[in-house]
C-alpha atoms as a PDB file:
ATOM      1  CA  UNK A   1    -121.969  -8.996 167.072  1.00  0.00           C
ATOM      2  CA  UNK A   2    -125.220  -7.340 168.080  1.00  0.00           C
ATOM      3  CA  UNK A   3    -126.973  -8.703 164.959  1.00  0.00           C
ATOM      4  CA  UNK A   4    -125.771 -12.233 165.748  1.00  0.00           C
ATOM      5  CA  UNK A   5    -127.077 -11.986 169.301  1.00  0.00           C
ATOM      6  CA  UNK A   6    -130.433 -10.651 168.095  1.00  0.00           C
ATOM      7  CA  UNK A   7    -130.681 -13.485 165.534  1.00  0.00           C
ATOM      8  CA  UNK A   8    -130.013 -16.113 168.208  1.00  0.00           C
ATOM      9  CA  UNK A   9    -132.490 -14.454 170.552  1.00  0.00           C
ATOM     10  CA  UNK A  10    -135.262 -14.342 167.942  1.00  0.00           C
ATOM     11  CA  UNK A  11    -134.941 -17.988 166.837  1.00  0.00           C
ATOM     12  CA  UNK A  12    -137.874 -20.099 167.992  1.00  0.00           C
ATOM     13  CA  UNK A  13    -137.019 -23.420 166.328  1.00  0.00           C
ATOM     14  CA  UNK A  14    -135.934 -24.958 169.622  1.00  0.00           C
ATOM     15  CA  UNK A  15    -139.099 -23.887 171.407  1.00  0.00           C
ATOM     16  CA  UNK A  16    -141.308 -25.234 168.634  1.00  0.00           C
ATOM     17  CA  UNK A  17    -139.573 -28.612 168.537  1.00  0.00           C
ATOM     18  CA  UNK A  18    -139.779 -28.843 172.316  1.00  0.00           C
ATOM     19  CA  UNK A  19    -143.521 -28.211 172.169  1.00  0.00           C
ATOM     20  CA  UNK A  20    -143.922 -30.941 169.552  1.00  0.00           C
ATOM     21  CA  UNK A  21    -141.930 -33.375 171.688  1.00  0.00           C
ATOM     22  CA  UNK A  22    -144.094 -32.626 174.731  1.00  0.00           C
ATOM     23  CA  UNK A  23    -147.242 -33.109 172.637  1.00  0.00           C
ATOM     24  CA  UNK A  24    -145.897 -36.417 171.283  1.00  0.00           C
ATOM     25  CA  UNK A  25    -145.129 -37.642 174.798  1.00  0.00           C
ATOM     26  CA  UNK A  26    -148.633 -36.740 175.985  1.00  0.00           C
ATOM     27  CA  UNK A  27    -150.208 -38.595 173.044  1.00  0.00           C
ATOM     28  CA  UNK A  28    -148.025 -41.641 173.731  1.00  0.00           C
ATOM     29  CA  UNK A  29    -149.049 -41.626 177.410  1.00  0.00           C
ATOM     30  CA  UNK A  30    -152.713 -41.378 176.409  1.00  0.00           C
ATOM     31  CA  UNK A  31    -152.398 -44.341 174.019  1.00  0.00           C
ATOM     32  CA  UNK A  32    -150.578 -46.432 176.638  1.00  0.00           C
ATOM     33  CA  UNK A  33    -153.278 -45.653 179.217  1.00  0.00           C
ATOM     34  CA  UNK A  34    -156.067 -46.628 176.793  1.00  0.00           C
ATOM     35  CA  UNK A  35    -154.334 -49.906 175.957  1.00  0.00           C
ATOM     36  CA  UNK A  36    -153.832 -50.668 179.653  1.00  0.00           C
ATOM     37  CA  UNK A  37    -157.506 -50.005 180.428  1.00  0.00           C
ATOM     38  CA  UNK A  38    -159.147 -51.677 177.424  1.00  0.00           C
ATOM     39  CA  UNK A  39    -156.427 -54.116 176.307  1.00  0.00           C
ATOM     40  CA  UNK A  40    -157.835 -57.307 177.782  1.00  0.00           C
ATOM     41  CA  UNK A  41    -161.376 -56.511 176.648  1.00  0.00           C
ATOM     42  CA  UNK A  42    -160.279 -55.852 173.086  1.00  0.00           C
ATOM     43  CA  UNK A  43    -158.105 -58.966 173.099  1.00  0.00           C
ATOM     44  CA  UNK A  44    -160.990 -61.163 174.221  1.00  0.00           C
ATOM     45  CA  UNK A  45    -163.293 -59.635 171.584  1.00  0.00           C
ATOM     46  CA  UNK A  46    -160.760 -60.339 168.831  1.00  0.00           C
ATOM     47  CA  UNK A  47    -160.265 -63.857 170.188  1.00  0.00           C
ATOM     48  CA  UNK A  48    -163.972 -64.641 170.129  1.00  0.00           C
ATOM     49  CA  UNK A  49    -164.322 -63.127 166.651  1.00  0.00           C
ATOM     50  CA  UNK A  50    -161.392 -65.232 165.437  1.00  0.00           C
ATOM     51  CA  UNK A  51    -162.954 -68.374 166.882  1.00  0.00           C
ATOM     52  CA  UNK A  52    -166.308 -67.577 165.268  1.00  0.00           C
ATOM     53  CA  UNK A  53    -164.722 -66.979 161.875  1.00  0.00           C
ATOM     54  CA  UNK A  54    -162.605 -70.140 161.949  1.00  0.00           C
ATOM     55  CA  UNK A  55    -165.566 -72.333 162.970  1.00  0.00           C
ATOM     56  CA  UNK A  56    -168.238 -70.829 160.732  1.00  0.00           C
ATOM     57  CA  UNK A  57    -166.345 -69.959 157.549  1.00  0.00           C
ATOM     58  CA  UNK A  58    -165.384 -72.746 155.177  1.00  0.00           C
ATOM     59  CA  UNK A  59    -163.511 -72.512 151.912  1.00  0.00           C
END
């Protein structure tokens, strides 16, 4: 019984997965914040590039 309790006490798989989940959540929040801040600017740049390509490029 003592060995089983020591084995359960020494396992760190749960702590490691929790750390990875927290890191993933922080990365997701960072990406969402960047998209919120620069989303409209990037969208307008892609729109103007698309317009330029469709008007200037002929096949």
